[in-house]
PDB file of N, CA and C in Angstrom:
ATOM      1  N   MET A   1     -43.030 132.065  44.489  1.00  0.00           N
ATOM      2  CA  MET A   1     -41.742 132.020  44.018  1.00  0.00           C
ATOM      3  C   MET A   1     -40.706 132.576  44.666  1.00  0.00           C
ATOM      4  N   TRP A   2     -41.237 134.103  45.325  1.00  0.00           N
ATOM      5  CA  TRP A   2     -40.076 134.174  46.371  1.00  0.00           C
ATOM      6  C   TRP A   2     -40.463 134.118  47.360  1.00  0.00           C
ATOM      7  N   LYS A   3     -41.505 133.207  47.980  1.00  0.00           N
ATOM      8  CA  LYS A   3     -41.367 132.400  49.392  1.00  0.00           C
ATOM      9  C   LYS A   3     -40.420 131.145  49.112  1.00  0.00           C
ATOM     10  N   LYS A   4     -40.326 130.412  48.517  1.00  0.00           N
ATOM     11  CA  LYS A   4     -39.069 129.349  48.580  1.00  0.00           C
ATOM     12  C   LYS A   4     -38.026 130.048  48.087  1.00  0.00           C
ATOM     13  N   LYS A   5     -37.881 130.864  47.384  1.00  0.00           N
ATOM     14  CA  LYS A   5     -36.485 131.557  47.960  1.00  0.00           C
ATOM     15  C   LYS A   5     -36.103 131.703  49.162  1.00  0.00           C
ATOM     16  N   CYS A   6     -36.817 132.471  50.121  1.00  0.00           N
ATOM     17  CA  CYS A   6     -36.606 132.741  51.267  1.00  0.00           C
ATOM     18  C   CYS A   6     -36.893 131.791  52.233  1.00  0.00           C
ATOM     19  N   ILE A   7     -37.364 130.753  51.821  1.00  0.00           N
ATOM     20  CA  ILE A   7     -37.539 129.403  52.990  1.00  0.00           C
ATOM     21  C   ILE A   7     -35.999 128.770  52.367  1.00  0.00           C
ATOM     22  N   GLY A   8     -35.945 128.668  50.950  1.00  0.00           N
ATOM     23  CA  GLY A   8     -34.286 128.233  51.076  1.00  0.00           C
ATOM     24  C   GLY A   8     -32.907 128.778  51.836  1.00  0.00           C
ATOM     25  N   THR A   9     -33.299 130.265  51.508  1.00  0.00           N
ATOM     26  CA  THR A   9     -32.326 131.014  52.221  1.00  0.00           C
ATOM     27  C   THR A   9     -32.339 130.760  53.756  1.00  0.00           C
ATOM     28  N   ILE A  10     -33.762 130.831  54.181  1.00  0.00           N
ATOM     29  CA  ILE A  10     -33.348 130.668  55.866  1.00  0.00           C
ATOM     30  C   ILE A  10     -32.859 129.326  56.176  1.00  0.00           C
ATOM     31  N   TYR A  11     -33.313 128.410  55.399  1.00  0.00           N
ATOM     32  CA  TYR A  11     -32.952 126.867  55.481  1.00  0.00           C
ATOM     33  C   TYR A  11     -31.346 126.881  55.319  1.00  0.00           C
ATOM     34  N   ARG A  12     -30.789 127.535  54.508  1.00  0.00           N
ATOM     35  CA  ARG A  12     -29.065 127.640  54.496  1.00  0.00           C
ATOM     36  C   ARG A  12     -28.371 128.319  55.257  1.00  0.00           C
ATOM     37  N   PHE A  13     -29.243 129.282  56.014  1.00  0.00           N
ATOM     38  CA  PHE A  13     -28.719 130.028  57.001  1.00  0.00           C
ATOM     39  C   PHE A  13     -28.759 129.312  58.372  1.00  0.00           C
ATOM     40  N   GLN A  14     -29.659 128.537  58.372  1.00  0.00           N
ATOM     41  CA  GLN A  14     -30.086 127.785  59.838  1.00  0.00           C
ATOM     42  C   GLN A  14     -28.642 126.484  60.041  1.00  0.00           C
ATOM     43  N   ILE A  15     -28.815 126.009  58.460  1.00  0.00           N
ATOM     44  CA  ILE A  15     -27.871 124.825  58.284  1.00  0.00           C
ATOM     45  C   ILE A  15     -26.274 125.421  58.770  1.00  0.00           C
ATOM     46  N   GLY A  16     -26.245 126.417  58.118  1.00  0.00           N
ATOM     47  CA  GLY A  16     -24.599 127.150  58.236  1.00  0.00           C
ATOM     48  C   GLY A  16     -24.740 127.605  59.648  1.00  0.00           C
ATOM     49  N   LEU A  17     -25.784 128.133  60.283  1.00  0.00           N
ATOM     50  CA  LEU A  17     -25.170 128.348  61.734  1.00  0.00           C
ATOM     51  C   LEU A  17     -25.311 127.324  62.451  1.00  0.00           C
ATOM     52  N   GLN A  18     -26.122 126.230  62.542  1.00  0.00           N
ATOM     53  CA  GLN A  18     -25.978 124.610  63.473  1.00  0.00           C
ATOM     54  C   GLN A  18     -24.204 124.293  62.760  1.00  0.00           C
ATOM     55  N   ASN A  19     -23.794 124.429  61.614  1.00  0.00           N
ATOM     56  CA  ASN A  19     -22.586 123.786  61.480  1.00  0.00           C
ATOM     57  C   ASN A  19     -21.272 124.711  62.290  1.00  0.00           C
ATOM     58  N   ALA A  20     -21.935 126.005  62.823  1.00  0.00           N
ATOM     59  CA  ALA A  20     -20.755 127.508  62.930  1.00  0.00           C
ATOM     60  C   ALA A  20     -20.710 126.772  64.568  1.00  0.00           C
ATOM     61  N   ILE A  21     -21.922 126.339  65.042  1.00  0.00           N
ATOM     62  CA  ILE A  21     -21.953 126.246  66.604  1.00  0.00           C
ATOM     63  C   ILE A  21     -21.310 125.108  66.686  1.00  0.00           C
ATOM     64  N   ARG A  22     -21.621 124.062  65.958  1.00  0.00           N
ATOM     65  CA  ARG A  22     -20.863 122.669  66.056  1.00  0.00           C
ATOM     66  C   ARG A  22     -19.372 122.977  66.374  1.00  0.00           C
ATOM     67  N   ARG A  23     -19.103 123.547  64.788  1.00  0.00           N
ATOM     68  CA  ARG A  23     -17.714 123.764  65.215  1.00  0.00           C
ATOM     69  C   ARG A  23     -16.764 124.860  66.469  1.00  0.00           C
ATOM     70  N   PHE A  24     -17.691 125.172  66.666  1.00  0.00           N
ATOM     71  CA  PHE A  24     -17.104 126.520  67.794  1.00  0.00           C
ATOM     72  C   PHE A  24     -17.250 125.282  69.099  1.00  0.00           C
ATOM     73  N   ILE A  25     -18.147 124.214  69.202  1.00  0.00           N
ATOM     74  CA  ILE A  25     -18.378 123.514  70.164  1.00  0.00           C
ATOM     75  C   ILE A  25     -17.066 122.855  70.721  1.00  0.00           C
ATOM     76  N   TRP A  26     -16.656 122.010  69.471  1.00  0.00           N
ATOM     77  CA  TRP A  26     -15.778 121.021  69.552  1.00  0.00           C
ATOM     78  C   TRP A  26     -14.232 121.559  69.154  1.00  0.00           C
ATOM     79  N   GLU A  27     -14.467 122.700  68.970  1.00  0.00           N
ATOM     80  CA  GLU A  27     -13.049 123.559  68.493  1.00  0.00           C
ATOM     81  C   GLU A  27     -12.059 123.620  70.288  1.00  0.00           C
ATOM     82  N   GLU A  28     -11.026 123.462  70.310  1.00  0.00           N
ATOM     83  CA  GLU A  28     -10.251 123.537  72.137  1.00  0.00           C
ATOM     84  C   GLU A  28      -9.216 124.208  71.625  1.00  0.00           C
ATOM     85  N   ASP A  29      -8.677 124.927  70.637  1.00  0.00           N
ATOM     86  CA  ASP A  29      -7.324 125.702  70.435  1.00  0.00           C
ATOM     87  C   ASP A  29      -7.376 126.852  71.438  1.00  0.00           C
ATOM     88  N   GLY A  30      -8.249 127.843  71.989  1.00  0.00           N
ATOM     89  CA  GLY A  30      -7.889 128.654  72.478  1.00  0.00           C
ATOM     90  C   GLY A  30      -8.463 128.388  74.114  1.00  0.00           C
ATOM     91  N   ILE A  31      -8.975 127.368  74.617  1.00  0.00           N
ATOM     92  CA  ILE A  31      -9.554 127.040  75.752  1.00  0.00           C
ATOM     93  C   ILE A  31      -8.783 127.190  76.854  1.00  0.00           C
ATOM     94  N   GLY A  32      -7.509 126.575  76.809  1.00  0.00           N
ATOM     95  CA  GLY A  32      -6.595 126.384  77.643  1.00  0.00           C
ATOM     96  C   GLY A  32      -5.735 127.892  77.953  1.00  0.00           C
ATOM     97  N   THR A  33      -5.940 128.770  77.003  1.00  0.00           N
ATOM     98  CA  THR A  33      -5.100 130.195  77.221  1.00  0.00           C
ATOM     99  C   THR A  33      -6.228 131.072  78.000  1.00  0.00           C
ATOM    100  N   VAL A  34      -7.802 130.950  77.523  1.00  0.00           N
ATOM    101  CA  VAL A  34      -8.333 131.446  78.141  1.00  0.00           C
ATOM    102  C   VAL A  34      -8.394 131.096  79.827  1.00  0.00           C
ATOM    103  N   GLU A  35      -8.383 129.740  80.067  1.00  0.00           N
ATOM    104  CA  GLU A  35      -8.560 129.345  81.345  1.00  0.00           C
ATOM    105  C   GLU A  35      -7.345 129.780  81.952  1.00  0.00           C
ATOM    106  N   MET A  36      -6.131 130.077  81.418  1.00  0.00           N
ATOM    107  CA  MET A  36      -5.158 130.342  81.977  1.00  0.00           C
ATOM    108  C   MET A  36      -5.141 131.704  82.418  1.00  0.00           C
ATOM    109  N   ILE A  37      -5.919 133.094  81.500  1.00  0.00           N
ATOM    110  CA  ILE A  37      -5.904 134.233  81.870  1.00  0.00           C
ATOM    111  C   ILE A  37      -6.997 134.294  83.161  1.00  0.00           C
ATOM    112  N   LEU A  38      -8.012 133.819  83.184  1.00  0.00           N
ATOM    113  CA  LEU A  38      -9.138 133.793  84.214  1.00  0.00           C
ATOM    114  C   LEU A  38      -8.286 133.515  85.334  1.00  0.00           C
ATOM    115  N   ILE A  39      -7.473 132.448  85.560  1.00  0.00           N
ATOM    116  CA  ILE A  39      -6.993 132.133  86.833  1.00  0.00           C
ATOM    117  C   ILE A  39      -6.068 132.975  87.361  1.00  0.00           C
ATOM    118  N   LEU A  40      -5.144 133.600  86.177  1.00  0.00           N
ATOM    119  CA  LEU A  40      -4.324 134.311  86.449  1.00  0.00           C
ATOM    120  C   LEU A  40      -4.966 135.837  87.219  1.00  0.00           C
ATOM    121  N   VAL A  41      -6.178 136.220  86.539  1.00  0.00           N
ATOM    122  CA  VAL A  41      -7.083 137.624  86.871  1.00  0.00           C
ATOM    123  C   VAL A  41      -7.709 136.818  88.264  1.00  0.00           C
ATOM    124  N   VAL A  42      -8.170 135.856  88.611  1.00  0.00           N
ATOM    125  CA  VAL A  42      -8.500 135.722  89.963  1.00  0.00           C
ATOM    126  C   VAL A  42      -7.266 135.807  90.946  1.00  0.00           C
ATOM    127  N   LEU A  43      -6.651 135.323  90.777  1.00  0.00           N
ATOM    128  CA  LEU A  43      -5.238 135.190  91.652  1.00  0.00           C
ATOM    129  C   LEU A  43      -4.787 136.244  91.980  1.00  0.00           C
ATOM    130  N   ILE A  44      -4.779 137.301  91.069  1.00  0.00           N
ATOM    131  CA  ILE A  44      -4.358 138.673  91.145  1.00  0.00           C
ATOM    132  C   ILE A  44      -5.555 139.352  92.097  1.00  0.00           C
ATOM    133  N   GLY A  45      -6.552 138.968  92.030  1.00  0.00           N
ATOM    134  CA  GLY A  45      -7.794 139.978  92.328  1.00  0.00           C
ATOM    135  C   GLY A  45      -7.675 139.645  94.074  1.00  0.00           C
ATOM    136  N   LEU A  46      -7.638 137.958  94.071  1.00  0.00           N
ATOM    137  CA  LEU A  46      -7.919 137.786  95.767  1.00  0.00           C
ATOM    138  C   LEU A  46      -6.345 138.147  96.265  1.00  0.00           C
ATOM    139  N   VAL A  47      -5.004 138.271  95.810  1.00  0.00           N
ATOM    140  CA  VAL A  47      -3.758 139.361  96.265  1.00  0.00           C
ATOM    141  C   VAL A  47      -4.399 140.693  96.557  1.00  0.00           C
ATOM    142  N   LEU A  48      -4.803 141.314  95.748  1.00  0.00           N
ATOM    143  CA  LEU A  48      -4.765 142.532  96.016  1.00  0.00           C
ATOM    144  C   LEU A  48      -5.856 142.857  97.051  1.00  0.00           C
ATOM    145  N   ILE A  49      -6.801 142.236  97.285  1.00  0.00           N
ATOM    146  CA  ILE A  49      -7.767 141.806  98.249  1.00  0.00           C
ATOM    147  C   ILE A  49      -7.491 141.689  99.378  1.00  0.00           C
ATOM    148  N   PHE A  50      -6.208 140.474  99.484  1.00  0.00           N
ATOM    149  CA  PHE A  50      -6.123 140.088 100.778  1.00  0.00           C
ATOM    150  C   PHE A  50      -4.298 140.555 101.008  1.00  0.00           C
ATOM    151  N   LYS A  51      -4.149 141.688 100.659  1.00  0.00           N
ATOM    152  CA  LYS A  51      -2.282 141.945 100.203  1.00  0.00           C
ATOM    153  C   LYS A  51      -2.224 142.086 102.083  1.00  0.00           C
ATOM    154  N   SER A  52      -2.520 142.763 102.906  1.00  0.00           N
ATOM    155  CA  SER A  52      -2.309 142.989 104.191  1.00  0.00           C
ATOM    156  C   SER A  52      -2.253 142.056 104.986  1.00  0.00           C
ATOM    157  N   GLN A  53      -3.419 140.953 104.830  1.00  0.00           N
ATOM    158  CA  GLN A  53      -3.183 139.661 105.693  1.00  0.00           C
ATOM    159  C   GLN A  53      -2.200 138.744 104.945  1.00  0.00           C
ATOM    160  N   LEU A  54      -2.023 138.668 103.793  1.00  0.00           N
ATOM    161  CA  LEU A  54      -0.927 137.990 103.242  1.00  0.00           C
ATOM    162  C   LEU A  54       0.698 138.342 103.635  1.00  0.00           C
ATOM    163  N   THR A  55       0.412 139.634 103.711  1.00  0.00           N
ATOM    164  CA  THR A  55       1.853 140.180 104.430  1.00  0.00           C
ATOM    165  C   THR A  55       2.176 139.816 105.505  1.00  0.00           C
ATOM    166  N   ARG A  56       1.066 140.130 106.585  1.00  0.00           N
ATOM    167  CA  ARG A  56       1.366 139.764 107.618  1.00  0.00           C
ATOM    168  C   ARG A  56       1.560 138.102 108.341  1.00  0.00           C
ATOM    169  N   LEU A  57       1.080 137.355 107.517  1.00  0.00           N
ATOM    170  CA  LEU A  57       1.104 135.740 107.905  1.00  0.00           C
ATOM    171  C   LEU A  57       2.298 135.542 107.156  1.00  0.00           C
ATOM    172  N   VAL A  58       3.093 136.091 105.659  1.00  0.00           N
ATOM    173  CA  VAL A  58       4.426 135.724 105.215  1.00  0.00           C
ATOM    174  C   VAL A  58       5.265 135.972 106.765  1.00  0.00           C
ATOM    175  N   ASN A  59       5.200 137.314 106.993  1.00  0.00           N
ATOM    176  CA  ASN A  59       6.093 137.864 108.349  1.00  0.00           C
ATOM    177  C   ASN A  59       6.091 137.362 109.518  1.00  0.00           C
ATOM    178  N   ASP A  60       5.080 136.468 109.547  1.00  0.00           N
ATOM    179  CA  ASP A  60       5.032 135.898 111.212  1.00  0.00           C
ATOM    180  C   ASP A  60       5.743 134.214 110.612  1.00  0.00           C
ATOM    181  N   ILE A  61       5.264 134.091 109.627  1.00  0.00           N
ATOM    182  CA  ILE A  61       5.780 132.556 109.249  1.00  0.00           C
ATOM    183  C   ILE A  61       7.557 132.922 109.124  1.00  0.00           C
ATOM    184  N   PHE A  62       7.815 133.737 108.346  1.00  0.00           N
ATOM    185  CA  PHE A  62       9.275 133.922 108.348  1.00  0.00           C
ATOM    186  C   PHE A  62       9.881 134.168 109.668  1.00  0.00           C
ATOM    187  N   SER A  63       9.620 134.819 110.765  1.00  0.00           N
ATOM    188  CA  SER A  63      10.206 135.185 111.833  1.00  0.00           C
ATOM    189  C   SER A  63       9.948 133.863 112.853  1.00  0.00           C
ATOM    190  N   GLN A  64       9.040 132.984 112.759  1.00  0.00           N
ATOM    191  CA  GLN A  64       9.130 131.722 113.301  1.00  0.00           C
ATOM    192  C   GLN A  64      10.205 130.893 112.387  1.00  0.00           C
ATOM    193  N   ILE A  65      10.587 131.101 111.455  1.00  0.00           N
ATOM    194  CA  ILE A  65      11.408 130.211 111.215  1.00  0.00           C
ATOM    195  C   ILE A  65      12.618 130.752 111.641  1.00  0.00           C
ATOM    196  N   THR A  66      13.061 132.237 111.456  1.00  0.00           N
ATOM    197  CA  THR A  66      13.932 132.348 112.072  1.00  0.00           C
ATOM    198  C   THR A  66      14.487 132.190 113.495  1.00  0.00           C
ATOM    199  N   SER A  67      13.224 132.234 114.560  1.00  0.00           N
ATOM    200  CA  SER A  67      13.285 132.196 115.584  1.00  0.00           C
ATOM    201  C   SER A  67      14.042 130.511 116.287  1.00  0.00           C
ATOM    202  N   LYS A  68      13.143 129.761 115.171  1.00  0.00           N
ATOM    203  CA  LYS A  68      13.046 128.266 115.210  1.00  0.00           C
ATOM    204  C   LYS A  68      14.796 127.918 114.925  1.00  0.00           C
ATOM    205  N   SER A  69      14.775 128.474 113.804  1.00  0.00           N
ATOM    206  CA  SER A  69      16.495 128.326 113.589  1.00  0.00           C
ATOM    207  C   SER A  69      17.387 129.005 114.405  1.00  0.00           C
ATOM    208  N   ARG A  70      17.530 129.589 115.279  1.00  0.00           N
ATOM    209  CA  ARG A  70      18.349 129.756 116.352  1.00  0.00           C
ATOM    210  C   ARG A  70      18.284 129.168 117.509  1.00  0.00           C
ATOM    211  N   GLN A  71      17.301 128.305 117.721  1.00  0.00           N
ATOM    212  CA  GLN A  71      17.155 127.678 118.935  1.00  0.00           C
ATOM    213  C   GLN A  71      17.987 126.226 118.256  1.00  0.00           C
ATOM    214  N   ILE A  72      18.024 126.112 117.279  1.00  0.00           N
ATOM    215  CA  ILE A  72      18.661 124.711 116.724  1.00  0.00           C
ATOM    216  C   ILE A  72      19.853 124.978 117.034  1.00  0.00           C
ATOM    217  N   TYR A  73      21.014 125.863 116.953  1.00  0.00           N
ATOM    218  CA  TYR A  73      22.137 126.270 117.088  1.00  0.00           C
ATOM    219  C   TYR A  73      22.797 126.367 118.255  1.00  0.00           C
TER     220      TYR A  73
END
């Protein structure tokens, strides 16, 4: 008797788990937010890692823009 009860309980748990996994896979509500947060974290990390190189690059670009604009006048 108790074996049938246990098997039934395990079967219901398995079906419930399968349904929960199926709902989780097809749910798309929070995917955009999570992706945006991950992209921002990666970008902030890259900026922190390459901060000095990026600063130097931007300064070089602006100095070239300034020098080239003086040549136009």
